[in-house]
Amino acid sequence: MTSSISRQLVFWLAVPLMLLALCGALVHYFNSVAPGVISSDRRLKEATNVLMAHVLLRDGRATIDSTSGGKGALPLPDSIKYALRDPPGRLLAGDAQLPIEPLTSANAQVFAMAQIDRRSLRTLTTRFDTKFGVIMITVADARAAADPAARFGFMSTLLWDFVQLDITLVLIWVGIQLGLRPIKRMRDEIAERSPLDLRPIAESSVPREIAPIAVTLNRLFLMLRTSVQSQQQFIANTAHQLRTPITGMQAQLDLLAAEPAAEPLKARLLTLQEGIRQLAHSANQLLTLARADPAVNIAAKNQTVDLKIIVGEVAARFFDRALKANIDLGVEAMPVAITADPSLLDDLVSNLVDNALKYTPAGGSVTVSAGNIEGRPYLAVEDTGPGIPEPERQRVRQRFYRLPNSPGHGSGLGLAIVEEIAQLYEASLTIGPGNGNRGTLVRLQFP
């Protein structure tokens, strides 16, 4: 499973931001609690000292003298609660609800929290050695209601911090998505290309951070383009070099077959002539295939072409062949202009007509048509031959594939050439049955 850069970035930002939000809430909590705690502790110590000054022995037991006598005023009951106990813990005076905290020999005072009347109050327990003996004084700050408020402040601060964190993460996510748009554009540009489109990526439109990726891809495209061009150039050169001697051999064989002395060998010469013609046809098809390959036609020599003229010229060249085979070759074309290489369109129509004549029996017909359908130029060749079975209609577009029991000695390149040229001009190629569900209809719809 592939990982997402944006998700990883958000995750690695979310974790530290959450920790920072928590730490900030804790700092806010302690900053709001600490002053109250310090103030409360100071009041508890002052109250303890005042209470000690008012301790009296009456009837053999310690009690609190409510008169000031220059000893300072006693704290108000609604602000300070107190309890006096002896070491065993018996209450001598004050509020029995106040607990006594155990003291060690090292500590004469200890602060604690106690639940009194459903309230959390901070208490201070102090041990005093007096002339009346050891007395334990516990005082509680009844006004200490800051802890619930501090907890509420802590929770509200934490909640607000996490709301801010969520908004921050959303903004970060949006920023990351906007920042990754150049990568997505480059991805979409490459994804929309055909496998044969090896044009370099425009490095000027790529951000500096991913420029090395574009440079590396351009190097790869260059290597592949060079390799494909070398291969296609080899095919083109080979076909071109073969065409000249093959044409010469064909001319010599024609002259030899016309000689009276060659009459006994005429049957063999005719077989040899047919083989040479097939070889010449295959060489021409290889040359056309090399020229039609989109990988080497990035800058094709295109111009405005009238399909009606192309169709008429090709049909005129095949008229004698159709007449000899007793096939009705017709043209139904309307003037329609497209932008293309005229020689490649000539090869396209020639291969379609050649295939149609090859598979149409004597007495049949082949119709070449061109025009507009719904504002789009089209080119079609229809015959009354045996047709192409539906499972084979995709396979016949492959190079060197021929239908089983096909007549003649073709190379299986005709429809492959048509497919290559159609891809070059972004035309849709459909193969189906002809009129009345007879024969084959090959149609190209141009953009």
Protein backbone atom coordinates (compact mmCIF):
# COMPACT_ATOMS: atom_id res chain seq x y z
CA MET A 1 0.00 0.00 0.00
CA THR A 2 1.46 3.34 -1.02
CA SER A 3 1.86 6.07 1.57
CA SER A 4 0.63 9.64 1.22
CA ILE A 5 3.07 12.54 1.60
CA SER A 6 0.30 14.89 2.73
CA ARG A 7 -0.90 12.46 5.40
CA GLN A 8 2.62 11.92 6.69
CA LEU A 9 3.22 15.66 6.88
CA VAL A 10 -0.03 16.25 8.77
CA PHE A 11 0.74 13.37 11.14
CA TRP A 12 4.25 14.58 11.95
CA LEU A 13 2.88 18.08 12.53
CA ALA A 14 -0.19 16.96 14.51
CA VAL A 15 1.71 14.99 17.18
CA PRO A 16 4.05 17.81 18.31
CA LEU A 17 1.25 20.38 18.02
CA MET A 18 -0.96 18.25 20.28
CA LEU A 19 1.83 17.98 22.83
CA LEU A 20 2.41 21.73 22.67
CA ALA A 21 -1.32 22.38 23.16
CA LEU A 22 -1.37 20.08 26.19
CA CYS A 23 1.75 21.68 27.67
CA GLY A 24 0.28 25.15 27.08
CA ALA A 25 -2.94 24.18 28.87
CA LEU A 26 -0.96 22.75 31.80
CA VAL A 27 1.16 25.90 32.05
CA HIS A 28 -2.01 28.00 32.00
CA TYR A 29 -3.52 25.79 34.71
CA PHE A 30 -0.53 26.07 37.03
CA ASN A 31 -0.21 29.79 36.38
CA SER A 32 -3.82 30.26 37.44
CA VAL A 33 -3.65 27.85 40.41
CA ALA A 34 -0.23 28.71 41.85
CA PRO A 35 -1.01 32.32 42.92
CA GLY A 36 -4.18 31.17 44.68
CA VAL A 37 -2.34 28.33 46.40
CA ILE A 38 0.44 30.64 47.58
CA SER A 39 -2.07 33.18 48.89
CA SER A 40 -4.05 30.47 50.63
CA ASP A 41 -0.93 29.03 52.25
CA ARG A 42 0.01 32.47 53.54
CA ARG A 43 -3.44 32.96 55.09
CA LEU A 44 -3.28 29.52 56.69
CA LYS A 45 0.09 30.26 58.28
CA GLU A 46 -1.10 33.66 59.53
CA ALA A 47 -4.26 32.10 60.95
CA THR A 48 -2.20 29.39 62.65
CA ASN A 49 0.02 31.97 64.32
CA VAL A 50 -2.99 34.01 65.50
CA LEU A 51 -4.69 30.91 66.87
CA MET A 52 -1.56 29.93 68.78
CA ALA A 53 -1.47 33.35 70.37
CA HIS A 54 -5.07 32.86 71.56
CA VAL A 55 -4.60 29.40 73.05
CA LEU A 56 -5.53 29.32 76.78
CA LEU A 57 -5.59 26.57 79.41
CA ARG A 58 -9.01 26.51 81.00
CA ASP A 59 -10.19 23.79 83.37
CA GLY A 60 -7.12 21.75 82.51
CA ARG A 61 -7.62 21.78 78.79
CA ALA A 62 -6.58 24.07 75.95
CA THR A 63 -9.10 26.39 74.36
CA ILE A 64 -9.20 29.52 72.19
CA ASP A 65 -9.53 32.92 73.81
CA SER A 66 -11.89 34.94 71.62
CA THR A 67 -10.73 38.28 73.04
CA SER A 68 -7.99 40.03 71.18
CA GLY A 69 -5.98 41.39 74.07
CA GLY A 70 -3.46 42.86 71.68
CA LYS A 71 -2.89 39.44 70.12
CA GLY A 72 -4.59 40.17 66.82
CA ALA A 73 -8.13 39.47 65.70
CA LEU A 74 -9.24 35.89 65.21
CA PRO A 75 -10.03 34.94 61.57
CA LEU A 76 -13.68 34.92 60.62
CA PRO A 77 -15.35 31.47 60.75
CA ASP A 78 -16.55 31.75 57.16
CA SER A 79 -12.98 32.27 55.98
CA ILE A 80 -10.90 30.03 58.26
CA LYS A 81 -11.96 26.82 59.96
CA TYR A 82 -9.74 25.40 62.72
CA ALA A 83 -9.40 22.46 65.08
CA LEU A 84 -7.14 21.97 68.13
CA ARG A 85 -6.20 18.40 69.06
CA ASP A 86 -3.85 16.71 71.44
CA PRO A 87 -1.26 14.20 70.15
CA PRO A 88 -3.68 11.24 70.47
CA GLY A 89 -6.07 13.17 68.18
CA ARG A 90 -8.77 14.18 70.67
CA LEU A 91 -10.54 17.42 69.76
CA LEU A 92 -9.77 20.20 72.21
CA ALA A 93 -11.53 23.03 70.38
CA GLY A 94 -12.81 24.00 66.92
CA ASP A 95 -14.43 22.07 64.07
CA ALA A 96 -14.43 18.29 64.38
CA GLN A 97 -14.78 17.90 60.58
CA LEU A 98 -11.22 19.02 60.02
CA PRO A 99 -8.92 16.01 59.73
CA ILE A 100 -5.50 15.90 61.32
CA GLU A 101 -2.64 14.98 59.07
CA PRO A 102 0.07 12.73 60.51
CA LEU A 103 3.32 14.54 61.22
CA THR A 104 6.81 13.11 61.28
CA SER A 105 9.55 14.15 63.61
CA ALA A 106 11.20 15.98 60.71
CA ASN A 107 8.11 18.01 59.81
CA ALA A 108 6.33 20.40 62.14
CA GLN A 109 3.88 21.46 59.42
CA VAL A 110 2.15 19.68 56.56
CA PHE A 111 -0.22 20.98 53.88
CA ALA A 112 -3.00 18.76 52.50
CA MET A 113 -6.38 18.77 50.73
CA ALA A 114 -9.52 17.72 52.60
CA GLN A 115 -13.17 17.19 51.62
CA ILE A 116 -15.34 19.27 53.98
CA ASP A 117 -19.02 19.92 53.28
CA ARG A 118 -18.51 18.58 49.73
CA ARG A 119 -15.79 21.12 49.14
CA SER A 120 -12.08 20.60 48.55
CA LEU A 121 -10.29 22.79 51.09
CA ARG A 122 -6.59 23.25 51.59
CA THR A 123 -5.50 22.51 55.15
CA LEU A 124 -2.42 23.17 57.23
CA THR A 125 -1.61 20.99 60.24
CA THR A 126 0.98 22.40 62.67
CA ARG A 127 2.49 20.94 65.83
CA PHE A 128 3.26 23.36 68.67
CA ASP A 129 5.13 22.64 71.90
CA THR A 130 3.57 24.87 74.53
CA LYS A 131 3.53 25.09 78.32
CA PHE A 132 0.27 23.18 78.09
CA GLY A 133 2.00 20.39 76.20
CA VAL A 134 1.96 19.44 72.50
CA ILE A 135 -0.98 20.84 70.55
CA MET A 136 -1.92 20.00 66.93
CA ILE A 137 -3.63 22.88 65.14
CA THR A 138 -5.36 22.23 61.79
CA VAL A 139 -6.66 25.20 59.85
CA ALA A 140 -8.56 25.17 56.55
CA ASP A 141 -9.11 28.01 54.10
CA ALA A 142 -12.89 28.09 53.63
CA ARG A 143 -12.57 30.64 50.83
CA ALA A 144 -10.39 28.36 48.70
CA ALA A 145 -12.80 27.83 45.81
CA ALA A 146 -10.18 28.50 43.15
CA ASP A 147 -9.44 24.82 42.44
CA PRO A 148 -12.75 24.05 40.63
CA ALA A 149 -12.44 27.33 38.78
CA ALA A 150 -8.87 26.45 37.88
CA ARG A 151 -9.95 23.03 36.66
CA PHE A 152 -12.69 24.64 34.61
CA GLY A 153 -10.16 27.12 33.23
CA PHE A 154 -7.80 24.25 32.44
CA MET A 155 -10.48 22.28 30.58
CA SER A 156 -11.76 25.31 28.68
CA THR A 157 -8.19 26.29 27.74
CA LEU A 158 -7.45 22.72 26.66
CA LEU A 159 -10.66 22.58 24.60
CA TRP A 160 -9.92 25.90 22.90
CA ASP A 161 -6.33 24.83 22.24
CA PHE A 162 -7.55 21.68 20.53
CA VAL A 163 -10.10 23.64 18.52
CA GLN A 164 -7.25 25.88 17.38
CA LEU A 165 -5.20 22.76 16.67
CA ASP A 166 -7.97 21.33 14.48
CA ILE A 167 -8.27 24.58 12.56
CA THR A 168 -4.48 24.74 12.22
CA LEU A 169 -4.32 21.17 10.90
CA VAL A 170 -7.08 21.93 8.38
CA LEU A 171 -5.18 25.00 7.19
CA ILE A 172 -1.97 22.95 7.03
CA TRP A 173 -3.80 20.26 5.01
CA VAL A 174 -5.12 22.88 2.60
CA GLY A 175 -1.65 24.43 2.34
CA ILE A 176 -0.07 21.04 1.65
CA GLN A 177 -2.66 20.26 -1.04
CA LEU A 178 -2.02 23.62 -2.69
CA GLY A 179 1.72 23.09 -2.41
CA LEU A 180 1.47 19.63 -3.99
CA ARG A 181 -0.51 20.88 -7.00
CA PRO A 182 2.60 21.10 -9.23
CA ILE A 183 3.36 17.44 -8.48
CA LYS A 184 -0.24 16.49 -9.26
CA ARG A 185 -0.12 18.50 -12.50
CA MET A 186 3.04 16.69 -13.54
CA ARG A 187 1.47 13.36 -12.57
CA ASP A 188 -1.67 14.11 -14.58
CA GLU A 189 0.37 15.32 -17.55
CA ILE A 190 2.33 12.06 -17.64
CA ALA A 191 -0.80 9.94 -16.99
CA GLU A 192 -2.70 11.57 -19.87
CA ARG A 193 0.06 10.82 -22.35
CA SER A 194 -0.06 7.80 -24.61
CA PRO A 195 2.69 5.21 -24.08
CA LEU A 196 4.32 6.48 -27.26
CA ASP A 197 4.41 10.14 -26.25
CA LEU A 198 7.99 10.68 -25.10
CA ARG A 199 8.10 14.47 -25.26
CA PRO A 200 10.20 16.05 -22.48
CA ILE A 201 8.50 17.67 -19.49
CA ALA A 202 8.76 21.46 -19.41
CA GLU A 203 11.21 21.99 -16.54
CA SER A 204 10.45 25.71 -16.32
CA SER A 205 6.95 24.96 -14.97
CA VAL A 206 8.22 22.56 -12.30
CA PRO A 207 9.00 23.78 -8.73
CA ARG A 208 12.62 23.69 -7.64
CA GLU A 209 11.98 20.90 -5.11
CA ILE A 210 10.84 18.39 -7.75
CA ALA A 211 12.97 19.68 -10.62
CA PRO A 212 15.43 16.74 -10.19
CA ILE A 213 12.53 14.32 -10.79
CA ALA A 214 11.60 16.13 -14.01
CA VAL A 215 15.24 16.14 -15.13
CA THR A 216 15.53 12.40 -14.44
CA LEU A 217 12.28 11.66 -16.30
CA ASN A 218 13.42 13.76 -19.25
CA ARG A 219 16.66 11.77 -19.40
CA LEU A 220 14.64 8.56 -19.39
CA PHE A 221 12.32 9.90 -22.10
CA LEU A 222 15.34 10.95 -24.16
CA MET A 223 16.89 7.49 -23.88
CA LEU A 224 13.64 5.80 -24.85
CA ARG A 225 13.00 8.27 -27.66
CA THR A 226 16.50 7.77 -29.01
CA SER A 227 16.11 4.01 -28.81
CA VAL A 228 12.72 4.05 -30.58
CA GLN A 229 13.94 6.49 -33.21
CA SER A 230 17.00 4.33 -33.86
CA GLN A 231 14.81 1.28 -34.24
CA GLN A 232 12.38 3.05 -36.53
CA GLN A 233 15.22 4.59 -38.52
CA PHE A 234 16.71 1.14 -38.99
CA ILE A 235 13.37 -0.19 -40.27
CA ALA A 236 12.91 2.80 -42.57
CA ASN A 237 16.46 2.57 -43.93
CA THR A 238 16.15 -1.18 -44.44
CA ALA A 239 12.81 -0.85 -46.22
CA HIS A 240 14.15 2.00 -48.35
CA GLN A 241 17.29 0.07 -49.26
CA LEU A 242 15.24 -2.99 -50.15
CA ARG A 243 12.75 -1.12 -52.28
CA THR A 244 15.21 -0.08 -55.00
CA PRO A 245 16.72 -3.54 -55.75
CA ILE A 246 13.30 -5.18 -55.43
CA THR A 247 11.87 -2.75 -57.98
CA GLY A 248 14.80 -3.52 -60.31
CA MET A 249 14.32 -7.27 -59.90
CA GLN A 250 10.60 -6.89 -60.62
CA ALA A 251 11.32 -4.92 -63.80
CA GLN A 252 13.87 -7.51 -64.97
CA LEU A 253 11.46 -10.36 -64.30
CA ASP A 254 8.74 -8.58 -66.30
CA LEU A 255 11.13 -8.19 -69.22
CA LEU A 256 12.27 -11.82 -68.91
CA ALA A 257 8.69 -13.11 -68.84
CA ALA A 258 7.97 -11.19 -72.04
CA GLU A 259 10.79 -12.96 -73.91
CA PRO A 260 9.69 -15.84 -76.23
CA ALA A 261 12.63 -17.94 -75.03
CA ALA A 262 11.23 -17.88 -71.49
CA GLU A 263 7.92 -19.45 -72.52
CA PRO A 264 8.79 -22.90 -71.01
CA LEU A 265 9.59 -21.21 -67.67
CA LYS A 266 6.67 -18.82 -67.68
CA ALA A 267 4.77 -20.58 -64.87
CA ARG A 268 7.83 -20.40 -62.61
CA LEU A 269 8.50 -16.83 -63.61
CA LEU A 270 4.91 -15.86 -62.71
CA THR A 271 5.37 -17.45 -59.28
CA LEU A 272 8.63 -15.57 -58.84
CA GLN A 273 6.98 -12.32 -59.96
CA GLU A 274 4.21 -12.77 -57.41
CA GLY A 275 6.79 -13.37 -54.66
CA ILE A 276 8.74 -10.25 -55.66
CA ARG A 277 5.51 -8.21 -55.64
CA GLN A 278 4.70 -9.48 -52.15
CA LEU A 279 8.23 -8.60 -51.03
CA ALA A 280 7.92 -5.10 -52.48
CA HIS A 281 4.52 -4.67 -50.80
CA SER A 282 5.92 -5.76 -47.43
CA ALA A 283 8.90 -3.40 -47.77
CA ASN A 284 6.55 -0.52 -48.53
CA GLN A 285 4.37 -1.42 -45.55
CA LEU A 286 7.38 -1.51 -43.21
CA LEU A 287 8.43 1.90 -44.49
CA THR A 288 4.90 3.26 -43.91
CA LEU A 289 4.78 1.72 -40.43
CA ALA A 290 8.07 3.39 -39.52
CA ARG A 291 6.84 6.77 -40.79
CA ALA A 292 3.48 6.45 -39.00
CA ASP A 293 4.89 5.64 -35.56
CA PRO A 294 3.87 8.50 -33.20
CA ALA A 295 7.14 8.15 -31.28
CA VAL A 296 9.05 9.50 -34.28
CA ASN A 297 6.31 11.83 -35.51
CA ILE A 298 6.33 14.37 -32.71
CA ALA A 299 6.65 17.11 -35.33
CA ALA A 300 4.75 15.65 -38.30
CA LYS A 301 4.62 17.46 -41.64
CA ASN A 302 0.96 18.32 -41.44
CA GLN A 303 -1.10 20.49 -43.76
CA THR A 304 -4.74 20.96 -44.70
CA VAL A 305 -5.87 17.97 -46.75
CA ASP A 306 -9.18 17.28 -48.51
CA LEU A 307 -10.22 13.69 -47.83
CA LYS A 308 -12.25 13.61 -51.03
CA ILE A 309 -9.11 14.19 -53.13
CA ILE A 310 -7.11 11.55 -51.24
CA VAL A 311 -9.93 9.00 -51.60
CA GLY A 312 -10.30 9.73 -55.32
CA GLU A 313 -6.56 9.37 -56.04
CA VAL A 314 -6.28 6.07 -54.15
CA ALA A 315 -9.40 4.62 -55.79
CA ALA A 316 -8.04 5.55 -59.22
CA ARG A 317 -4.84 3.59 -58.56
CA PHE A 318 -6.77 0.46 -57.55
CA PHE A 319 -9.37 0.68 -60.31
CA ASP A 320 -7.57 -1.66 -62.74
CA ARG A 321 -7.02 -4.25 -60.00
CA ALA A 322 -10.69 -4.12 -59.02
CA LEU A 323 -11.73 -4.43 -62.68
CA LYS A 324 -9.56 -7.53 -63.18
CA ALA A 325 -11.00 -9.10 -60.01
CA ASN A 326 -14.59 -8.29 -61.10
CA ILE A 327 -15.15 -6.13 -58.02
CA ASP A 328 -17.18 -2.94 -58.10
CA LEU A 329 -14.95 -0.24 -56.57
CA GLY A 330 -16.94 2.93 -55.81
CA VAL A 331 -16.35 6.28 -54.14
CA GLU A 332 -18.90 8.28 -52.12
CA ALA A 333 -17.03 11.28 -50.82
CA MET A 334 -17.91 14.82 -49.91
CA PRO A 335 -15.32 17.61 -49.60
CA VAL A 336 -13.99 17.58 -46.01
CA ALA A 337 -10.71 19.08 -44.80
CA ILE A 338 -8.49 17.83 -41.98
CA THR A 339 -4.94 18.67 -40.89
CA ALA A 340 -2.60 15.75 -41.56
CA ASP A 341 0.34 14.47 -43.58
CA PRO A 342 -1.02 13.73 -47.11
CA SER A 343 1.38 10.84 -47.69
CA LEU A 344 0.33 9.13 -44.44
CA LEU A 345 -3.36 9.55 -45.29
CA ASP A 346 -2.65 8.11 -48.74
CA ASP A 347 -0.99 5.09 -47.11
CA LEU A 348 -3.93 4.72 -44.71
CA VAL A 349 -6.57 4.66 -47.47
CA SER A 350 -4.37 2.46 -49.68
CA ASN A 351 -4.04 -0.20 -46.97
CA LEU A 352 -7.78 -0.18 -46.30
CA VAL A 353 -8.65 -0.51 -50.01
CA ASP A 354 -5.95 -3.16 -50.54
CA ASN A 355 -7.35 -5.25 -47.68
CA ALA A 356 -10.93 -4.84 -48.92
CA LEU A 357 -10.06 -5.94 -52.45
CA LYS A 358 -7.99 -8.85 -51.13
CA TYR A 359 -10.86 -10.33 -49.11
CA THR A 360 -13.83 -9.46 -51.38
CA PRO A 361 -14.81 -12.26 -53.76
CA ALA A 362 -15.54 -11.72 -57.46
CA GLY A 363 -18.87 -10.01 -58.05
CA GLY A 364 -18.64 -8.14 -54.74
CA SER A 365 -18.22 -4.44 -54.10
CA VAL A 366 -15.92 -2.10 -52.19
CA THR A 367 -17.08 1.42 -51.29
CA VAL A 368 -14.79 4.18 -50.08
CA SER A 369 -16.57 7.09 -48.43
CA ALA A 370 -15.65 10.34 -46.69
CA GLY A 371 -17.58 13.27 -45.28
CA ASN A 372 -18.91 14.74 -42.04
CA ILE A 373 -20.96 13.12 -39.28
CA GLU A 374 -22.17 15.48 -36.56
CA GLY A 375 -19.50 17.97 -37.55
CA ARG A 376 -16.64 15.48 -37.36
CA PRO A 377 -14.73 14.28 -40.47
CA TYR A 378 -14.85 10.57 -41.16
CA LEU A 379 -13.31 8.10 -43.59
CA ALA A 380 -14.74 4.62 -44.22
CA VAL A 381 -14.13 1.59 -46.41
CA GLU A 382 -16.89 -1.01 -46.73
CA ASP A 383 -16.72 -4.35 -48.54
CA THR A 384 -18.95 -7.38 -49.13
CA GLY A 385 -16.36 -9.95 -48.14
CA PRO A 386 -16.60 -12.65 -45.47
CA GLY A 387 -16.28 -10.09 -42.66
CA ILE A 388 -14.23 -10.20 -39.49
CA PRO A 389 -15.59 -12.18 -36.50
CA GLU A 390 -16.16 -9.98 -33.45
CA PRO A 391 -13.54 -11.75 -31.24
CA GLU A 392 -10.91 -11.06 -33.94
CA ARG A 393 -11.63 -7.34 -34.46
CA GLN A 394 -9.12 -6.24 -31.86
CA ARG A 395 -6.46 -8.79 -32.79
CA VAL A 396 -6.39 -7.80 -36.49
CA ARG A 397 -5.02 -4.39 -35.41
CA GLN A 398 -1.86 -6.04 -34.12
CA ARG A 399 1.26 -6.21 -36.23
CA PHE A 400 1.81 -9.38 -38.29
CA TYR A 401 -1.50 -10.91 -37.24
CA ARG A 402 -3.61 -12.48 -39.98
CA LEU A 403 -6.99 -14.12 -39.74
CA PRO A 404 -6.98 -17.92 -39.93
CA ASN A 405 -7.50 -19.22 -43.49
CA SER A 406 -6.79 -15.78 -44.96
CA PRO A 407 -6.24 -15.76 -48.74
CA GLY A 408 -2.91 -14.77 -50.26
CA HIS A 409 0.41 -14.24 -48.53
CA GLY A 410 -0.06 -10.92 -46.76
CA SER A 411 2.20 -9.78 -43.93
CA GLY A 412 -0.54 -8.76 -41.50
CA LEU A 413 0.54 -5.12 -41.40
CA GLY A 414 -2.34 -3.38 -43.20
CA LEU A 415 -4.66 -2.68 -40.28
CA ALA A 416 -1.67 -2.21 -37.93
CA ILE A 417 -0.55 0.69 -40.16
CA VAL A 418 -4.08 2.11 -40.14
CA GLU A 419 -4.14 1.87 -36.32
CA GLU A 420 -0.77 3.67 -36.00
CA ILE A 421 -1.85 6.53 -38.28
CA ALA A 422 -5.20 6.80 -36.47
CA GLN A 423 -3.39 7.12 -33.12
CA LEU A 424 -1.08 9.74 -34.59
CA TYR A 425 -4.06 11.95 -35.51
CA GLU A 426 -6.19 10.98 -32.46
CA ALA A 427 -8.82 9.40 -34.68
CA SER A 428 -11.11 6.64 -33.39
CA LEU A 429 -10.93 3.41 -35.43
CA THR A 430 -13.94 1.07 -35.42
CA ILE A 431 -14.30 -2.27 -37.19
CA GLY A 432 -17.73 -3.79 -37.64
CA PRO A 433 -20.09 -5.43 -40.12
CA GLY A 434 -21.17 -3.65 -43.28
CA ASN A 435 -24.63 -2.81 -44.59
CA GLY A 436 -27.10 -5.63 -44.05
CA ASN A 437 -24.70 -7.25 -41.57
CA ARG A 438 -22.51 -8.35 -44.49
CA GLY A 439 -18.79 -7.88 -45.06
CA THR A 440 -16.67 -5.42 -43.12
CA LEU A 441 -16.93 -1.70 -42.44
CA VAL A 442 -13.80 0.09 -41.20
CA ARG A 443 -14.47 3.66 -40.10
CA LEU A 444 -12.15 6.40 -38.82
CA GLN A 445 -13.65 9.37 -37.00
CA PHE A 446 -11.28 12.34 -36.83
CA PRO A 447 -11.40 14.91 -34.00
